């Protein structure tokens, strides 16, 4: 892990997905490793800066049903949440 992620949670809607919850575990691991997925170059740069200087961390990924999942770690590093966008 490149940073402390705090308490990890998922929006309840994700538990109703029609695919394996293992996918979310893999996406969280990518986020924790600094793989920000489909974010803009500006957000990618902001995330890299935030790892060492503080600030929110955001990643964006597509799941098998074609929807996008955003994962956000708050600036205080007390929590990380995943939700559909």
Protein backbone atom coordinates (compact mmCIF):
# COMPACT_ATOMS: atom_id res chain seq x y z
CA UNK A 1 0.00 0.00 0.00
CA UNK A 2 1.27 3.45 -0.90
CA UNK A 3 -0.77 5.14 1.86
CA UNK A 4 -2.98 4.50 4.87
CA UNK A 5 -6.54 3.99 3.65
CA UNK A 6 -8.38 3.98 6.98
CA UNK A 7 -11.68 2.13 7.21
CA UNK A 8 -12.74 0.70 3.86
CA UNK A 9 -16.42 0.66 2.90
CA UNK A 10 -18.72 0.34 -0.09
CA UNK A 11 -22.00 2.04 -0.88
CA UNK A 12 -24.83 -0.48 -0.23
CA UNK A 13 -25.85 -0.38 -3.91
CA UNK A 14 -22.62 -2.19 -4.79
CA UNK A 15 -23.64 -5.23 -2.76
CA UNK A 16 -26.57 -5.71 -5.16
CA UNK A 17 -24.28 -6.02 -8.19
CA UNK A 18 -24.69 -8.94 -10.55
CA UNK A 19 -21.01 -9.93 -10.39
CA UNK A 20 -18.57 -11.21 -7.80
CA UNK A 21 -17.63 -8.96 -4.91
CA UNK A 22 -14.04 -10.13 -5.50
CA UNK A 23 -13.91 -7.50 -8.22
CA UNK A 24 -14.26 -4.78 -5.60
CA UNK A 25 -11.40 -6.27 -3.60
CA UNK A 26 -9.22 -6.11 -6.70
CA UNK A 27 -10.24 -2.50 -7.36
CA UNK A 28 -9.47 -1.49 -3.78
CA UNK A 29 -6.04 -3.14 -4.09
CA UNK A 30 -5.37 -1.19 -7.30
CA UNK A 31 -6.39 2.04 -5.54
CA UNK A 32 -4.18 1.26 -2.53
CA UNK A 33 -1.24 0.58 -4.88
CA UNK A 34 -1.63 3.96 -6.59
CA UNK A 35 -3.32 2.71 -9.77
CA UNK A 36 -5.89 5.47 -10.25
CA UNK A 37 -7.54 3.85 -13.25
CA UNK A 38 -9.49 6.11 -15.61
CA UNK A 39 -9.03 9.47 -13.86
CA UNK A 40 -7.87 12.51 -15.82
CA UNK A 41 -4.15 13.29 -16.02
CA UNK A 42 -4.79 16.23 -13.67
CA UNK A 43 -6.40 13.99 -11.05
CA UNK A 44 -3.59 11.44 -11.42
CA UNK A 45 -1.02 14.17 -10.74
CA UNK A 46 -3.08 15.52 -7.84
CA UNK A 47 -3.27 12.03 -6.32
CA UNK A 48 0.48 11.54 -6.56
CA UNK A 49 1.04 14.89 -4.86
CA UNK A 50 -1.57 14.09 -2.19
CA UNK A 51 0.20 10.87 -1.19
CA UNK A 52 3.13 12.83 0.22
CA UNK A 53 1.58 16.23 0.91
CA UNK A 54 -1.94 15.30 2.00
CA UNK A 55 -5.25 15.53 0.22
CA UNK A 56 -8.02 13.36 -1.12
CA UNK A 57 -7.17 10.36 -3.33
CA UNK A 58 -9.54 9.38 -6.14
CA UNK A 59 -9.60 6.47 -8.57
CA UNK A 60 -12.11 5.55 -11.25
CA UNK A 61 -12.68 2.08 -12.72
CA UNK A 62 -15.13 0.30 -14.99
CA UNK A 63 -16.75 -2.93 -13.74
CA UNK A 64 -18.19 -5.83 -15.81
CA UNK A 65 -21.68 -4.33 -16.04
CA UNK A 66 -20.16 -1.29 -17.78
CA UNK A 67 -20.76 1.10 -14.90
CA UNK A 68 -18.02 3.18 -13.36
CA UNK A 69 -16.92 2.87 -9.75
CA UNK A 70 -15.23 5.75 -7.97
CA UNK A 71 -13.03 5.01 -4.96
CA UNK A 72 -12.18 7.91 -2.66
CA UNK A 73 -9.79 8.03 0.30
CA UNK A 74 -10.39 11.12 2.40
CA UNK A 75 -7.61 13.62 3.08
CA UNK A 76 -7.36 12.57 6.73
CA UNK A 77 -6.75 8.93 5.62
CA UNK A 78 -9.46 7.79 8.03
CA UNK A 79 -11.63 6.15 5.40
CA UNK A 80 -11.98 4.93 1.83
CA UNK A 81 -15.32 4.36 0.10
CA UNK A 82 -16.38 2.91 -3.25
CA UNK A 83 -19.57 3.91 -5.06
CA UNK A 84 -21.16 3.99 -8.51
CA UNK A 85 -20.88 7.22 -10.50
